[in-house]
Amino acid sequence: MIAPLPALVPGPVAAQEAGVAPATIRKWVQLGRLTAAGKAGRAQLFRLEDVFAAERTASRRPPVPRPGGPAA
């Protein structure tokens, strides 16, 4: 039997589970792609299913063209 996932996890744990840097979790929050589901002191807490959904959305986005970059 598979153990249930914890209800809420702090940002660094969420980042580790999604395979991204903690700064990426903070950036997703800043961009509105991820919302904290709670707080423990100063730490934001996240649902892992929300983190995985944000990661899937971010991985599907096409790269943003940068000025002076190679032309397609």
N, C-alpha and C. Protein backbone atom coordinates (compact mmCIF):
# COMPACT_ATOMS: atom_id res chain seq x y z
N MET A 1 0.84 -1.18 0.00
CA MET A 1 0.00 0.00 0.00
C MET A 1 0.88 1.24 0.00
N ILE A 2 0.49 2.23 -0.77
CA ILE A 2 1.25 3.48 -0.87
C ILE A 2 0.82 4.41 0.26
N ALA A 3 1.81 4.97 0.94
CA ALA A 3 1.52 5.91 2.03
C ALA A 3 0.97 7.21 1.44
N PRO A 4 -0.01 7.82 2.10
CA PRO A 4 -0.54 9.08 1.59
C PRO A 4 0.51 10.18 1.68
N LEU A 5 0.43 11.12 0.75
CA LEU A 5 1.34 12.26 0.76
C LEU A 5 1.00 13.17 1.91
N PRO A 6 1.98 13.86 2.48
CA PRO A 6 1.67 14.81 3.53
C PRO A 6 0.79 15.91 2.97
N ALA A 7 -0.09 16.42 3.79
CA ALA A 7 -1.05 17.43 3.33
C ALA A 7 -0.32 18.68 2.83
N LEU A 8 0.61 19.20 3.61
CA LEU A 8 1.33 20.43 3.25
C LEU A 8 2.81 20.26 3.53
N VAL A 9 3.64 20.80 2.63
CA VAL A 9 5.09 20.72 2.81
C VAL A 9 5.69 22.12 2.62
N PRO A 10 6.81 22.40 3.29
CA PRO A 10 7.47 23.69 3.10
C PRO A 10 8.13 23.79 1.72
N GLY A 11 8.42 25.00 1.29
CA GLY A 11 8.99 25.27 -0.02
C GLY A 11 10.21 24.43 -0.39
N PRO A 12 11.22 24.32 0.48
CA PRO A 12 12.39 23.52 0.11
C PRO A 12 12.07 22.05 -0.15
N VAL A 13 11.15 21.49 0.61
CA VAL A 13 10.75 20.09 0.39
C VAL A 13 9.96 19.99 -0.92
N ALA A 14 9.08 20.95 -1.17
CA ALA A 14 8.32 20.97 -2.42
C ALA A 14 9.26 21.04 -3.61
N ALA A 15 10.29 21.88 -3.51
CA ALA A 15 11.26 22.02 -4.59
C ALA A 15 11.99 20.71 -4.83
N GLN A 16 12.41 20.06 -3.76
CA GLN A 16 13.13 18.79 -3.88
C GLN A 16 12.25 17.73 -4.55
N GLU A 17 10.99 17.66 -4.15
CA GLU A 17 10.07 16.67 -4.73
C GLU A 17 9.82 16.92 -6.21
N ALA A 18 9.78 18.21 -6.62
CA ALA A 18 9.53 18.55 -8.02
C ALA A 18 10.80 18.57 -8.85
N GLY A 19 11.96 18.45 -8.21
CA GLY A 19 13.22 18.45 -8.94
C GLY A 19 13.63 19.82 -9.43
N VAL A 20 13.26 20.86 -8.67
CA VAL A 20 13.62 22.23 -9.03
C VAL A 20 14.30 22.88 -7.84
N ALA A 21 14.86 24.05 -8.05
CA ALA A 21 15.50 24.80 -6.98
C ALA A 21 14.44 25.50 -6.12
N PRO A 22 14.72 25.71 -4.84
CA PRO A 22 13.78 26.47 -4.01
C PRO A 22 13.45 27.85 -4.59
N ALA A 23 14.42 28.45 -5.27
CA ALA A 23 14.17 29.75 -5.90
C ALA A 23 13.09 29.64 -6.97
N THR A 24 12.99 28.48 -7.62
CA THR A 24 11.97 28.27 -8.64
C THR A 24 10.58 28.27 -8.01
N ILE A 25 10.45 27.64 -6.85
CA ILE A 25 9.17 27.64 -6.14
C ILE A 25 8.79 29.08 -5.80
N ARG A 26 9.75 29.86 -5.29
CA ARG A 26 9.46 31.26 -4.96
C ARG A 26 9.07 32.05 -6.20
N LYS A 27 9.72 31.78 -7.32
CA LYS A 27 9.41 32.47 -8.57
C LYS A 27 8.01 32.13 -9.06
N TRP A 28 7.63 30.85 -8.96
CA TRP A 28 6.29 30.45 -9.37
C TRP A 28 5.24 31.16 -8.53
N VAL A 29 5.51 31.33 -7.23
CA VAL A 29 4.58 32.06 -6.35
C VAL A 29 4.50 33.51 -6.81
N GLN A 30 5.65 34.11 -7.07
CA GLN A 30 5.71 35.51 -7.50
C GLN A 30 4.95 35.71 -8.82
N LEU A 31 5.04 34.74 -9.73
CA LEU A 31 4.38 34.84 -11.03
C LEU A 31 2.91 34.42 -10.99
N GLY A 32 2.46 33.91 -9.85
CA GLY A 32 1.08 33.49 -9.72
C GLY A 32 0.80 32.08 -10.23
N ARG A 33 1.83 31.30 -10.54
CA ARG A 33 1.65 29.92 -11.01
C ARG A 33 1.41 28.95 -9.87
N LEU A 34 1.76 29.37 -8.65
CA LEU A 34 1.64 28.52 -7.47
C LEU A 34 1.21 29.39 -6.30
N THR A 35 0.30 28.86 -5.50
CA THR A 35 -0.19 29.59 -4.33
C THR A 35 0.08 28.77 -3.09
N ALA A 36 0.58 29.43 -2.06
CA ALA A 36 0.81 28.73 -0.78
C ALA A 36 -0.54 28.36 -0.19
N ALA A 37 -0.62 27.17 0.38
CA ALA A 37 -1.87 26.69 0.97
C ALA A 37 -1.92 26.94 2.47
N GLY A 38 -0.81 27.41 3.04
CA GLY A 38 -0.77 27.68 4.47
C GLY A 38 0.58 28.24 4.87
N LYS A 39 0.72 28.49 6.17
CA LYS A 39 1.98 29.01 6.70
C LYS A 39 2.29 28.31 8.02
N ALA A 40 3.58 28.14 8.28
CA ALA A 40 4.06 27.64 9.57
C ALA A 40 5.13 28.63 10.00
N GLY A 41 4.76 29.57 10.85
CA GLY A 41 5.68 30.66 11.17
C GLY A 41 5.83 31.53 9.93
N ARG A 42 7.07 31.70 9.48
CA ARG A 42 7.33 32.49 8.27
C ARG A 42 7.34 31.63 7.01
N ALA A 43 7.39 30.30 7.18
CA ALA A 43 7.51 29.40 6.04
C ALA A 43 6.16 29.21 5.34
N GLN A 44 6.19 29.31 4.01
CA GLN A 44 5.00 29.01 3.23
C GLN A 44 4.90 27.50 3.06
N LEU A 45 3.69 26.99 3.08
CA LEU A 45 3.45 25.57 2.91
C LEU A 45 2.66 25.34 1.63
N PHE A 46 2.97 24.25 0.94
CA PHE A 46 2.37 23.97 -0.36
C PHE A 46 1.81 22.56 -0.39
N ARG A 47 0.76 22.36 -1.18
CA ARG A 47 0.26 21.03 -1.49
C ARG A 47 1.13 20.49 -2.62
N LEU A 48 1.62 19.28 -2.47
CA LEU A 48 2.49 18.71 -3.51
C LEU A 48 1.76 18.62 -4.84
N GLU A 49 0.47 18.32 -4.84
CA GLU A 49 -0.24 18.24 -6.11
C GLU A 49 -0.26 19.59 -6.83
N ASP A 50 -0.31 20.70 -6.06
CA ASP A 50 -0.25 22.04 -6.67
C ASP A 50 1.14 22.30 -7.25
N VAL A 51 2.17 21.85 -6.52
CA VAL A 51 3.55 22.04 -6.99
C VAL A 51 3.77 21.26 -8.29
N PHE A 52 3.30 20.01 -8.33
CA PHE A 52 3.46 19.19 -9.54
C PHE A 52 2.69 19.79 -10.71
N ALA A 53 1.51 20.35 -10.45
CA ALA A 53 0.74 20.99 -11.52
C ALA A 53 1.48 22.21 -12.05
N ALA A 54 2.08 23.01 -11.17
CA ALA A 54 2.85 24.18 -11.61
C ALA A 54 4.06 23.74 -12.41
N GLU A 55 4.70 22.65 -11.99
CA GLU A 55 5.88 22.14 -12.71
C GLU A 55 5.49 21.67 -14.11
N ARG A 56 4.36 20.98 -14.22
CA ARG A 56 3.90 20.52 -15.54
C ARG A 56 3.58 21.70 -16.44
N THR A 57 2.94 22.73 -15.89
CA THR A 57 2.60 23.93 -16.67
C THR A 57 3.87 24.63 -17.12
N ALA A 58 4.85 24.76 -16.23
CA ALA A 58 6.10 25.45 -16.57
C ALA A 58 6.88 24.68 -17.63
N SER A 59 6.84 23.35 -17.59
CA SER A 59 7.63 22.57 -18.55
C SER A 59 6.98 22.56 -19.93
N ARG A 60 5.71 22.91 -20.03
CA ARG A 60 5.03 22.96 -21.32
C ARG A 60 5.15 24.30 -22.01
N ARG A 61 5.58 25.32 -21.30
CA ARG A 61 5.67 26.65 -21.89
C ARG A 61 6.83 26.72 -22.88
N PRO A 62 6.59 27.35 -24.06
CA PRO A 62 7.70 27.51 -25.00
C PRO A 62 8.70 28.52 -24.46
N PRO A 63 9.97 28.41 -24.86
CA PRO A 63 10.95 29.38 -24.37
C PRO A 63 10.61 30.78 -24.85
N VAL A 64 10.92 31.74 -23.99
CA VAL A 64 10.66 33.14 -24.33
C VAL A 64 11.80 33.65 -25.19
N PRO A 65 11.50 34.21 -26.40
CA PRO A 65 12.58 34.73 -27.23
C PRO A 65 13.26 35.91 -26.53
N ARG A 66 14.55 35.94 -26.61
CA ARG A 66 15.31 37.02 -25.98
C ARG A 66 15.89 37.93 -27.05
N PRO A 67 15.88 39.23 -26.79
CA PRO A 67 16.47 40.16 -27.77
C PRO A 67 17.94 39.80 -28.05
N GLY A 68 18.30 39.79 -29.30
CA GLY A 68 19.67 39.49 -29.70
C GLY A 68 19.96 38.01 -29.74
N GLY A 69 18.95 37.18 -29.46
CA GLY A 69 19.13 35.74 -29.49
C GLY A 69 19.08 35.23 -30.91
N PRO A 70 19.32 33.94 -31.11
CA PRO A 70 19.29 33.37 -32.46
C PRO A 70 17.88 33.43 -33.05
N ALA A 71 17.81 33.72 -34.31
CA ALA A 71 16.51 33.78 -35.00
C ALA A 71 16.06 32.37 -35.36
N ALA A 72 14.78 32.15 -35.26
CA ALA A 72 14.25 30.81 -35.57
C ALA A 72 13.95 30.69 -37.04
